[in-house]
Amino acid sequence: MQQQSTFVSWFRNSSPYIHAHRNRTFVIFFSGVAVTEPDFDNLIHDFALLKSLGVRLVLVHGIRTQIDERLLEQGDTPKFHHHLRITDATTLQYVKQAAGLVRIEVEALLSMGVSGSPMAGAKIRVASGNFVTAKPLGVLDGIDYCYTGKVRRVDSSGIHQQLDKNNVVLISPIGYSPSGEVFNLSAEEVATEVAIALHAEKLILLTEQTCFSPKDQKPIQQLTTAQAEELLQQTPALPGAIGRSLRAAIQSCQQGVQRAHLINRHVDGALLLELFTRDGIGTLISSSDFETIRTATLDDIGGILELIKPLEQQGKLAKRSREKIEMEIADYVVIERDGLVIGCIALHADRQGQFGAIACLAVHPDYQGGARARRMLEFVYDKAKQLQLNNLFVLSTQTMHWFIEQGFLPTNLQHLPEALRLLYNPARNSKILYKTTD
């Protein structure tokens, strides 16, 4: 019963994401080494699940491992400069072989439909093609990169046509020139340029390791593009693959992709955990903050009610009707995290009396302990100063000690302004605290 309850709860909580992701375009990059590992089938199953949920899916695969294997088999040494392969005429033949092999392998796995397997009934059609036009990288630092190229143009209309036909688009890191030449491309660059050209909602980079903070070695949950650039500048020892993925994420977000995700593919189900849970499991990159504090709007009323309902039932907050909150919505401040209201507070101002009443302070149980209540209180302080309020009052039954820690002082009913004294409910026996805004 516990397992059933957990599943039902997870499925219900994932429903907003199912709705949000439907008919959205996701570009997903995965490395060539991922294709060689036994658990790659699980990743294919997750791709199929995304497809079945209505995601418009573009897959970009790497081939670095496969090229290196062929070079070493022939007794050749892979040549790199600044993490970019130098592709001579011989290496180019291995590039073509590797691209064909990986593409066929992925197409075969996406075609699975054995009864009783996760792919049963999937009926996925895969479209590949010459969607990427490339040009030679040329000579850099005196090094001739030969047939190593860079993306010149992406045939976005051609890709959209395939997505409109309900196909999964599979793109290899190969580019073609108008003169018929073939160029070896960086798979991360291809994924980035494709995501930008398609105006994709997400660029997802399946990495070989987790993106850790260099300060405490904890996984980084989210970064703005500015923070990601700072991380790259201040951490030269960052693993090369993570660095390339961060640069791809930054570029894509700066050029119109809504969000980029770095996800450690070695965690089973990481793709689903990142996309269908509130906090995810990877590193989210976006142009703006993932979690914001702001003045509430009418669209937040449902979220506020859902947040405070348990506290009202426990008697920690006085009950408020939807109508009352709607009338006073301009008094409310919320913390929004990926569309969910996880915190709220209200400042009811009496500008004539130059005082304000702080009310309805609540933080979602899953997000307590992160100084969010203090951040909302500081937001209210700034608002009170702008309104030229001299004193702030709080009526509390459960959190008086927390308010005292924030600099509030106890007082009694006689010191309340008359307007607040008339609203005081003796049955709740709330403690009264105040603080000046000086």
Protein backbone atom coordinates (compact mmCIF):
# COMPACT_ATOMS: atom_id res chain seq x y z
CA MET A 1 0.00 0.00 0.00
CA GLN A 2 2.89 2.36 0.79
CA GLN A 3 4.41 1.73 -2.65
CA GLN A 4 1.06 2.31 -4.30
CA SER A 5 0.55 5.54 -2.39
CA THR A 6 4.05 6.75 -3.32
CA PHE A 7 3.44 5.98 -6.98
CA VAL A 8 0.07 7.74 -7.02
CA SER A 9 1.55 10.78 -5.28
CA TRP A 10 4.48 10.95 -7.72
CA PHE A 11 2.21 10.52 -10.73
CA ARG A 12 -0.10 13.29 -9.57
CA ASN A 13 2.81 15.61 -8.83
CA SER A 14 4.28 14.94 -12.28
CA SER A 15 1.07 15.88 -14.10
CA PRO A 16 1.90 19.63 -14.35
CA TYR A 17 5.12 18.71 -16.14
CA ILE A 18 3.35 16.28 -18.45
CA HIS A 19 1.08 19.13 -19.51
CA ALA A 20 3.95 21.62 -19.72
CA HIS A 21 6.18 19.39 -21.88
CA ARG A 22 3.53 18.28 -24.39
CA ASN A 23 4.23 19.60 -27.92
CA ARG A 24 7.46 21.20 -26.73
CA THR A 25 10.75 20.70 -28.58
CA PHE A 26 13.61 19.13 -26.62
CA VAL A 27 17.09 18.67 -28.06
CA ILE A 28 19.00 15.94 -26.22
CA PHE A 29 22.73 15.32 -26.53
CA PHE A 30 24.40 12.07 -25.43
CA SER A 31 27.98 10.94 -25.91
CA GLY A 32 29.29 8.12 -28.05
CA VAL A 33 30.44 6.23 -24.97
CA ALA A 34 26.84 6.10 -23.72
CA VAL A 35 25.88 4.02 -26.76
CA THR A 36 28.47 1.37 -25.89
CA GLU A 37 27.25 0.67 -22.36
CA PRO A 38 24.82 -2.10 -21.34
CA ASP A 39 22.31 0.24 -19.71
CA PHE A 40 21.88 2.37 -22.84
CA ASP A 41 18.59 0.52 -23.42
CA ASN A 42 17.18 2.28 -20.34
CA LEU A 43 17.98 5.66 -21.84
CA ILE A 44 16.27 4.64 -25.08
CA HIS A 45 13.20 3.62 -23.08
CA ASP A 46 13.15 7.06 -21.45
CA PHE A 47 13.39 8.72 -24.87
CA ALA A 48 10.43 6.62 -25.98
CA LEU A 49 8.47 7.64 -22.90
CA LEU A 50 9.08 11.33 -23.62
CA LYS A 51 7.91 10.75 -27.18
CA SER A 52 4.74 9.03 -25.97
CA LEU A 53 4.01 12.02 -23.72
CA GLY A 54 3.99 14.35 -26.70
CA VAL A 55 7.53 15.76 -26.58
CA ARG A 56 8.96 16.76 -29.98
CA LEU A 57 12.29 14.99 -29.72
CA VAL A 58 15.60 15.73 -31.45
CA LEU A 59 18.52 13.48 -30.50
CA VAL A 60 22.15 14.42 -31.17
CA HIS A 61 24.73 11.70 -30.52
CA GLY A 62 28.48 11.86 -30.12
CA ILE A 63 31.04 9.57 -31.80
CA ARG A 64 34.33 10.51 -30.12
CA THR A 65 34.79 7.09 -28.46
CA GLN A 66 34.06 5.18 -31.66
CA ILE A 67 36.54 7.28 -33.69
CA ASP A 68 39.28 6.79 -31.09
CA GLU A 69 38.71 3.02 -31.10
CA ARG A 70 39.14 2.83 -34.87
CA LEU A 71 42.26 4.97 -34.82
CA LEU A 72 43.84 2.85 -32.10
CA GLU A 73 42.92 -0.37 -33.93
CA GLN A 74 44.89 0.92 -36.91
CA GLY A 75 47.83 1.95 -34.75
CA ASP A 76 47.11 5.68 -35.12
CA THR A 77 47.09 8.18 -32.27
CA PRO A 78 44.07 10.49 -31.94
CA LYS A 79 45.17 14.11 -32.41
CA PHE A 80 43.55 16.97 -30.48
CA HIS A 81 44.24 20.65 -29.99
CA HIS A 82 42.22 22.65 -27.45
CA HIS A 83 39.94 19.62 -27.01
CA LEU A 84 39.07 19.63 -30.74
CA ARG A 85 39.99 16.69 -32.96
CA ILE A 86 42.30 17.28 -35.91
CA THR A 87 40.53 15.38 -38.68
CA ASP A 88 42.86 14.44 -41.52
CA ALA A 89 41.71 12.47 -44.57
CA THR A 90 42.32 9.10 -42.89
CA THR A 91 40.53 10.10 -39.69
CA LEU A 92 37.60 11.39 -41.75
CA GLN A 93 36.96 7.86 -43.01
CA TYR A 94 36.73 6.64 -39.41
CA VAL A 95 34.43 9.56 -38.63
CA LYS A 96 32.04 8.44 -41.37
CA GLN A 97 32.17 4.82 -40.21
CA ALA A 98 31.56 5.77 -36.58
CA ALA A 99 28.66 8.09 -37.43
CA GLY A 100 26.98 5.42 -39.54
CA LEU A 101 27.46 2.72 -36.93
CA VAL A 102 26.10 4.78 -34.02
CA ARG A 103 23.18 6.12 -36.04
CA ILE A 104 22.13 2.61 -37.08
CA GLU A 105 22.52 1.32 -33.51
CA VAL A 106 20.32 4.08 -32.08
CA GLU A 107 17.72 3.66 -34.84
CA ALA A 108 17.59 -0.08 -34.17
CA LEU A 109 17.02 0.44 -30.45
CA LEU A 110 14.32 3.05 -31.08
CA SER A 111 12.60 0.53 -33.37
CA MET A 112 12.17 -2.07 -30.62
CA GLY A 113 8.60 -3.07 -29.85
CA VAL A 114 8.71 -6.46 -28.16
CA SER A 115 5.53 -7.25 -26.26
CA GLY A 116 5.97 -6.79 -22.52
CA SER A 117 8.97 -4.49 -22.91
CA PRO A 118 8.98 -0.74 -22.18
CA MET A 119 9.01 -0.15 -25.95
CA ALA A 120 5.89 -2.22 -26.65
CA GLY A 121 3.53 -0.29 -28.87
CA ALA A 122 5.88 2.67 -29.20
CA LYS A 123 6.10 2.56 -33.03
CA ILE A 124 8.71 5.27 -33.19
CA ARG A 125 9.78 6.47 -36.61
CA VAL A 126 13.25 7.96 -36.82
CA ALA A 127 14.31 10.59 -39.35
CA SER A 128 17.93 11.39 -40.14
CA GLY A 129 19.36 13.57 -42.88
CA ASN A 130 21.65 16.33 -44.02
CA PHE A 131 20.15 18.93 -41.69
CA VAL A 132 23.49 20.58 -40.84
CA THR A 133 25.55 22.65 -43.27
CA ALA A 134 29.17 23.10 -42.15
CA LYS A 135 32.35 24.94 -43.05
CA PRO A 136 35.98 24.14 -42.25
CA LEU A 137 37.36 25.33 -38.95
CA GLY A 138 40.54 26.24 -40.81
CA VAL A 139 43.89 27.04 -39.24
CA LEU A 140 43.98 28.13 -35.59
CA ASP A 141 47.19 28.83 -33.65
CA GLY A 142 49.08 27.52 -36.67
CA ILE A 143 47.23 24.18 -36.50
CA ASP A 144 45.36 23.02 -39.60
CA TYR A 145 42.24 21.22 -38.43
CA CYS A 146 41.70 19.78 -41.93
CA TYR A 147 38.21 18.22 -42.03
CA THR A 148 37.17 19.40 -38.59
CA GLY A 149 34.42 21.91 -39.14
CA LYS A 150 31.91 24.15 -37.46
CA VAL A 151 28.19 24.58 -37.97
CA ARG A 152 27.31 27.07 -40.67
CA ARG A 153 23.55 26.61 -40.87
CA VAL A 154 20.84 24.31 -39.51
CA ASP A 155 17.89 23.35 -41.71
CA SER A 156 15.33 24.17 -39.04
CA SER A 157 12.35 23.98 -41.41
CA GLY A 158 13.40 20.49 -42.52
CA ILE A 159 13.68 19.32 -38.91
CA HIS A 160 10.33 20.89 -38.02
CA GLN A 161 8.72 19.09 -40.96
CA GLN A 162 9.90 15.77 -39.55
CA LEU A 163 8.74 16.66 -36.05
CA ASP A 164 5.35 17.68 -37.46
CA LYS A 165 5.12 14.17 -38.93
CA ASN A 166 5.52 12.79 -35.40
CA ASN A 167 9.03 11.52 -36.08
CA VAL A 168 12.02 11.52 -33.75
CA VAL A 169 14.89 13.34 -35.46
CA LEU A 170 18.34 11.79 -35.00
CA ILE A 171 21.35 13.95 -35.91
CA SER A 172 24.97 12.85 -36.16
CA PRO A 173 27.89 15.27 -35.59
CA ILE A 174 28.52 15.46 -39.32
CA GLY A 175 28.15 18.53 -41.52
CA TYR A 176 28.02 18.95 -45.27
CA SER A 177 29.28 21.83 -47.38
CA PRO A 178 27.56 23.16 -50.51
CA SER A 179 30.51 21.76 -52.49
CA GLY A 180 29.81 18.25 -51.20
CA GLU A 181 32.55 17.99 -48.58
CA VAL A 182 32.00 16.24 -45.25
CA PHE A 183 33.16 17.73 -41.94
CA ASN A 184 33.56 16.27 -38.48
CA LEU A 185 31.76 18.45 -35.93
CA SER A 186 31.60 18.77 -32.17
CA ALA A 187 28.42 17.00 -31.05
CA GLU A 188 27.87 19.54 -28.27
CA GLU A 189 28.11 22.35 -30.82
CA VAL A 190 25.66 20.62 -33.14
CA ALA A 191 23.16 20.11 -30.30
CA THR A 192 23.53 23.76 -29.27
CA GLU A 193 23.08 25.18 -32.76
CA VAL A 194 20.13 22.88 -33.46
CA ALA A 195 18.42 23.91 -30.21
CA ILE A 196 18.94 27.60 -31.05
CA ALA A 197 17.74 27.22 -34.64
CA LEU A 198 14.60 25.34 -33.57
CA HIS A 199 13.84 27.80 -30.74
CA ALA A 200 13.69 24.70 -28.56
CA GLU A 201 12.24 24.89 -25.08
CA LYS A 202 15.08 22.76 -23.69
CA LEU A 203 18.61 21.70 -24.50
CA ILE A 204 19.43 18.60 -22.44
CA LEU A 205 23.06 17.52 -22.17
CA LEU A 206 23.51 14.00 -20.79
CA THR A 207 26.92 14.17 -19.16
CA GLU A 208 29.32 11.55 -17.90
CA GLN A 209 29.48 13.07 -14.41
CA THR A 210 27.62 15.41 -12.10
CA CYS A 211 28.34 19.15 -12.06
CA PHE A 212 29.71 19.74 -8.56
CA SER A 213 30.35 23.00 -6.73
CA PRO A 214 34.12 23.49 -6.32
CA LYS A 215 33.51 25.02 -2.88
CA ASP A 216 31.73 22.16 -1.09
CA GLN A 217 31.66 19.39 -3.72
CA LYS A 218 27.86 19.31 -3.60
CA PRO A 219 25.83 18.95 -6.82
CA ILE A 220 24.85 22.30 -8.32
CA GLN A 221 21.08 22.42 -8.76
CA GLN A 222 20.74 25.61 -10.73
CA LEU A 223 22.71 28.46 -12.26
CA THR A 224 21.93 31.55 -14.22
CA THR A 225 24.01 32.05 -17.34
CA ALA A 226 25.98 34.74 -15.50
CA GLN A 227 26.69 32.36 -12.61
CA ALA A 228 27.70 29.60 -15.03
CA GLU A 229 30.16 31.95 -16.76
CA GLU A 230 31.60 32.91 -13.38
CA LEU A 231 31.99 29.22 -12.49
CA LEU A 232 33.94 28.59 -15.70
CA GLN A 233 36.20 31.60 -15.12
CA GLN A 234 36.94 30.78 -11.49
CA THR A 235 37.34 27.01 -11.87
CA PRO A 236 39.97 26.23 -14.53
CA ALA A 237 40.23 22.68 -13.16
CA LEU A 238 36.61 21.93 -14.05
CA PRO A 239 36.40 18.62 -15.98
CA GLY A 240 36.62 19.25 -19.72
CA ALA A 241 33.32 17.56 -20.58
CA ILE A 242 31.47 19.55 -17.92
CA GLY A 243 33.09 22.75 -19.17
CA ARG A 244 31.98 22.06 -22.76
CA SER A 245 28.45 21.30 -21.59
CA LEU A 246 28.31 24.48 -19.51
CA ARG A 247 29.45 26.57 -22.48
CA ALA A 248 26.82 24.92 -24.65
CA ALA A 249 24.16 25.64 -22.04
CA ILE A 250 25.22 29.28 -21.70
CA GLN A 251 25.25 29.88 -25.45
CA SER A 252 21.86 28.26 -25.99
CA CYS A 253 20.16 30.20 -23.18
CA GLN A 254 21.70 33.48 -24.34
CA GLN A 255 20.28 32.86 -27.81
CA GLY A 256 16.69 32.01 -26.99
CA VAL A 257 16.54 28.48 -25.57
CA GLN A 258 14.45 28.70 -22.42
CA ARG A 259 16.41 26.24 -20.30
CA ALA A 260 19.38 23.92 -20.51
CA HIS A 261 19.95 20.91 -18.28
CA LEU A 262 23.15 19.03 -17.43
CA ILE A 263 22.18 15.53 -16.29
CA ASN A 264 24.46 12.71 -15.20
CA ARG A 265 23.35 9.85 -17.45
CA HIS A 266 24.81 7.24 -15.10
CA VAL A 267 21.95 7.81 -12.63
CA ASP A 268 19.16 5.46 -13.67
CA GLY A 269 16.08 7.46 -14.63
CA ALA A 270 17.90 10.78 -14.25
CA LEU A 271 16.24 12.21 -17.36
CA LEU A 272 12.76 11.52 -15.96
CA LEU A 273 13.68 12.76 -12.49
CA GLU A 274 14.97 16.02 -13.95
CA LEU A 275 11.94 16.64 -16.16
CA PHE A 276 9.07 15.41 -14.00
CA THR A 277 9.98 16.41 -10.44
CA ARG A 278 10.04 19.87 -8.91
CA ASP A 279 13.73 19.94 -7.92
CA GLY A 280 15.11 17.55 -10.50
CA ILE A 281 18.44 15.79 -10.20
CA GLY A 282 20.71 17.68 -12.61
CA THR A 283 21.96 21.23 -13.07
CA LEU A 284 19.50 23.69 -14.57
CA ILE A 285 20.86 26.65 -16.54
CA SER A 286 18.60 29.57 -17.40
CA SER A 287 18.95 33.23 -18.29
CA SER A 288 16.98 34.28 -15.22
CA ASP A 289 16.64 32.87 -11.72
CA PHE A 290 14.79 29.57 -11.36
CA GLU A 291 13.38 30.76 -8.02
CA THR A 292 12.11 34.33 -7.68
CA ILE A 293 10.56 36.48 -5.00
CA ARG A 294 8.01 39.03 -6.20
CA THR A 295 4.70 40.76 -5.56
CA ALA A 296 1.79 38.37 -6.01
CA THR A 297 -0.74 38.52 -8.85
CA LEU A 298 -4.27 37.13 -9.22
CA ASP A 299 -2.77 34.04 -10.89
CA ASP A 300 -1.07 33.19 -7.58
CA ILE A 301 -4.27 32.91 -5.54
CA GLY A 302 -4.66 29.17 -6.09
CA GLY A 303 -1.05 28.56 -5.09
CA ILE A 304 -1.36 30.72 -1.97
CA LEU A 305 -4.52 28.93 -0.87
CA GLU A 306 -2.92 25.52 -1.37
CA LEU A 307 0.14 26.63 0.58
CA ILE A 308 -1.70 28.04 3.63
CA LYS A 309 -4.54 25.50 3.83
CA PRO A 310 -2.62 22.97 6.01
CA LEU A 311 -1.48 25.77 8.34
CA GLU A 312 -5.05 27.05 8.69
CA GLN A 313 -6.22 23.52 9.52
CA GLN A 314 -3.54 23.28 12.20
CA GLY A 315 -4.57 26.64 13.65
CA LYS A 316 -1.20 28.23 12.88
CA LEU A 317 -2.76 30.77 10.53
CA ALA A 318 -6.11 32.53 10.70
CA LYS A 319 -8.46 31.36 7.96
CA ARG A 320 -8.75 33.51 4.85
CA SER A 321 -11.28 33.17 2.07
CA ARG A 322 -10.40 33.25 -1.59
CA GLU A 323 -12.39 36.47 -1.89
CA LYS A 324 -10.40 38.16 0.87
CA ILE A 325 -7.07 37.17 -0.66
CA GLU A 326 -8.27 38.33 -4.07
CA MET A 327 -9.21 41.73 -2.66
CA GLU A 328 -5.84 42.07 -0.92
CA ILE A 329 -3.64 40.36 -3.50
CA ALA A 330 -1.46 43.46 -3.96
CA ASP A 331 -0.43 43.09 -0.29
CA TYR A 332 1.03 39.62 -0.86
CA VAL A 333 4.57 38.62 -1.71
CA VAL A 334 5.38 35.13 -3.00
CA ILE A 335 8.38 32.98 -3.74
CA GLU A 336 7.83 31.12 -6.99
CA ARG A 337 9.88 28.07 -7.91
CA ASP A 338 9.33 26.76 -11.41
CA GLY A 339 5.68 27.81 -11.38
CA LEU A 340 4.95 26.62 -7.82
CA VAL A 341 4.25 29.07 -5.00
CA ILE A 342 6.52 27.80 -2.21
CA GLY A 343 6.34 30.82 0.09
CA CYS A 344 4.10 33.76 0.85
CA ILE A 345 3.78 36.71 3.20
CA ALA A 346 1.44 39.69 3.33
CA LEU A 347 2.01 43.32 4.31
CA HIS A 348 -1.26 45.11 5.01
CA ALA A 349 -0.31 48.79 5.03
CA ASP A 350 -2.11 51.68 6.70
CA ARG A 351 -0.35 54.58 5.04
CA GLN A 352 -2.37 57.18 6.93
CA GLY A 353 -1.38 55.64 10.25
CA GLN A 354 2.14 54.90 8.94
CA PHE A 355 2.11 51.31 10.14
CA GLY A 356 1.83 47.88 8.58
CA ALA A 357 0.68 44.44 9.67
CA ILE A 358 2.66 41.40 8.58
CA ALA A 359 0.50 38.34 8.09
CA CYS A 360 0.17 34.98 6.36
CA LEU A 361 3.84 33.96 6.50
CA ALA A 362 4.17 30.43 5.12
CA VAL A 363 6.87 28.31 3.47
CA HIS A 364 6.22 24.97 1.77
CA PRO A 365 7.40 22.08 4.00
CA ASP A 366 9.76 20.79 1.29
CA TYR A 367 11.59 24.13 1.14
CA GLN A 368 11.96 25.14 4.76
CA GLY A 369 15.39 25.74 6.20
CA GLY A 370 16.72 27.73 3.24
CA ALA A 371 16.27 31.23 4.74
CA ARG A 372 13.29 31.81 2.46
CA ALA A 373 11.14 33.25 5.27
CA ARG A 374 13.92 35.73 6.06
CA ARG A 375 14.19 36.70 2.40
CA MET A 376 10.46 37.39 2.22
CA LEU A 377 10.65 39.42 5.43
CA GLU A 378 13.49 41.51 3.99
CA PHE A 379 11.42 42.05 0.84
CA VAL A 380 8.58 43.29 3.07
CA TYR A 381 10.98 45.61 4.97
CA ASP A 382 11.99 47.27 1.71
CA LYS A 383 8.37 47.60 0.69
CA ALA A 384 7.47 49.13 4.07
CA LYS A 385 10.25 51.70 3.74
CA GLN A 386 9.05 52.64 0.27
CA LEU A 387 5.56 53.16 1.72
CA GLN A 388 7.09 55.22 4.57
CA LEU A 389 5.67 52.98 7.30
CA ASN A 390 7.25 53.60 10.68
CA ASN A 391 6.16 50.46 12.52
CA LEU A 392 5.43 46.87 11.62
CA PHE A 393 3.21 44.60 13.74
CA VAL A 394 2.81 40.83 13.83
CA LEU A 395 0.15 38.69 15.49
CA SER A 396 1.48 35.17 15.97
CA THR A 397 0.50 32.00 17.80
CA GLN A 398 3.39 29.75 16.74
CA THR A 399 6.29 31.75 15.35
CA MET A 400 6.85 34.51 17.90
CA HIS A 401 10.35 33.32 18.77
CA TRP A 402 11.38 33.36 15.11
CA PHE A 403 10.11 36.95 14.79
CA ILE A 404 11.99 37.91 17.97
CA GLU A 405 15.15 36.50 16.37
CA GLN A 406 14.48 38.83 13.42
CA GLY A 407 14.46 41.85 15.72
CA PHE A 408 10.77 42.11 16.69
CA LEU A 409 9.84 43.01 20.25
CA PRO A 410 6.88 41.76 22.30
CA THR A 411 4.14 44.24 23.15
CA ASN A 412 0.51 44.15 24.29
CA LEU A 413 -2.94 44.88 22.94
CA GLN A 414 -2.95 48.46 24.23
CA HIS A 415 -0.02 49.34 21.98
CA LEU A 416 -1.72 48.13 18.82
CA PRO A 417 -3.08 50.83 16.51
CA GLU A 418 -6.85 51.05 16.84
CA ALA A 419 -7.46 49.60 13.36
CA LEU A 420 -5.55 46.43 14.31
CA ARG A 421 -7.00 46.31 17.83
CA LEU A 422 -10.51 46.11 16.38
CA LEU A 423 -9.49 43.07 14.30
CA TYR A 424 -7.81 41.24 17.18
CA ASN A 425 -9.45 37.86 17.91
CA PRO A 426 -9.22 37.04 21.65
CA ALA A 427 -10.10 33.40 20.93
CA ARG A 428 -6.77 32.94 19.11
CA ASN A 429 -4.86 34.71 21.89
CA SER A 430 -2.13 35.71 19.45
CA LYS A 431 1.10 37.16 20.75
CA ILE A 432 1.74 40.72 19.59
CA LEU A 433 5.14 41.86 18.33
CA TYR A 434 6.39 45.02 16.65
CA LYS A 435 9.44 46.46 14.97
CA THR A 436 10.35 49.94 13.76
CA THR A 437 11.59 50.36 10.21
CA ASP A 438 14.36 52.81 11.11
